[in-house]
Protein backbone atom coordinates (compact mmCIF):
# COMPACT_ATOMS: atom_id res chain seq x y z
CA UNK A 1 35.92 -8.83 -69.23
CA UNK A 2 34.19 -6.04 -67.35
CA UNK A 3 31.52 -3.88 -68.96
CA UNK A 4 33.61 -0.68 -68.78
CA UNK A 5 36.44 -2.32 -70.72
CA UNK A 6 33.99 -3.66 -73.30
CA UNK A 7 32.49 -0.18 -73.78
CA UNK A 8 35.95 1.37 -74.21
CA UNK A 9 36.90 -1.32 -76.74
CA UNK A 10 33.80 -0.57 -78.85
CA UNK A 11 34.42 3.18 -78.63
CA UNK A 12 37.99 2.54 -79.81
CA UNK A 13 36.54 0.86 -82.92
CA UNK A 14 34.27 3.85 -83.63
CA UNK A 15 36.87 6.53 -82.87
CA UNK A 16 38.72 6.45 -86.25
CA UNK A 17 35.49 7.31 -88.11
CA UNK A 18 34.84 10.30 -85.89
CA UNK A 19 38.48 11.40 -86.10
CA UNK A 20 38.36 11.23 -89.88
CA UNK A 21 35.72 13.97 -89.73
CA UNK A 22 37.66 16.00 -87.14
CA UNK A 23 35.84 14.79 -84.03
CA UNK A 24 36.38 12.33 -81.22
CA UNK A 25 34.55 10.59 -78.37
CA UNK A 26 35.74 9.69 -74.87
CA UNK A 27 34.27 7.32 -72.29
CA UNK A 28 33.34 9.09 -69.04
CA UNK A 29 31.40 6.52 -67.01
CA UNK A 30 28.63 3.93 -66.92
CA UNK A 31 25.94 3.79 -64.25
CA UNK A 32 24.14 0.84 -62.71
CA UNK A 33 21.23 1.19 -65.17
CA UNK A 34 23.57 0.71 -68.14
CA UNK A 35 23.66 4.34 -69.24
CA UNK A 36 27.01 5.15 -70.81
CA UNK A 37 28.22 8.74 -70.46
CA UNK A 38 30.59 10.08 -73.12
CA UNK A 39 32.24 13.38 -73.95
CA UNK A 40 32.70 14.57 -77.54
CA UNK A 41 35.53 16.70 -78.90
CA UNK A 42 36.61 18.62 -81.97
CA UNK A 43 34.17 18.87 -84.85
CA UNK A 44 31.57 16.89 -82.85
CA UNK A 45 31.10 19.80 -80.44
CA UNK A 46 28.23 21.88 -81.75
CA UNK A 47 27.72 19.65 -84.79
CA UNK A 48 24.07 19.46 -85.80
CA UNK A 49 24.44 15.74 -86.57
CA UNK A 50 25.97 14.70 -83.24
CA UNK A 51 22.66 13.55 -81.74
CA UNK A 52 22.05 11.28 -84.72
CA UNK A 53 25.65 10.06 -84.66
CA UNK A 54 25.41 9.20 -80.98
CA UNK A 55 21.95 7.60 -81.02
CA UNK A 56 22.01 5.84 -84.41
CA UNK A 57 25.71 5.01 -84.43
CA UNK A 58 27.45 4.86 -81.09
CA UNK A 59 24.45 3.87 -78.97
CA UNK A 60 23.18 1.25 -81.43
CA UNK A 61 26.59 -0.39 -81.67
CA UNK A 62 27.17 -0.36 -77.91
CA UNK A 63 23.75 -1.89 -77.19
CA UNK A 64 24.39 -4.60 -79.80
CA UNK A 65 27.92 -5.42 -78.66
CA UNK A 66 27.93 -4.87 -74.88
CA UNK A 67 25.41 -6.72 -72.74
CA UNK A 68 23.87 -4.35 -70.21
CA UNK A 69 24.24 -1.06 -72.10
CA UNK A 70 20.87 0.70 -72.36
CA UNK A 71 21.62 4.23 -73.54
CA UNK A 72 24.42 6.65 -74.44
CA UNK A 73 24.37 10.19 -73.06
CA UNK A 74 26.69 13.04 -74.06
CA UNK A 75 27.99 15.16 -71.18
CA UNK A 76 29.89 18.47 -71.19
């Protein structure tokens, strides 16, 4: 399985929790250093807790489950 597919599969597992609170996350890309770029939607946009959600939730899970992921960055 390629790394992009693995990242998308993990994001698909996280997505229902974000959607329950009115938000969502979408995979944008991954670079050669393992940085995953995502876009957030809905209630996540402008939410004061999004940085914590991304770093402590999404990033932690991706690093644990997908070999090669080093960081998650939110893009506009």
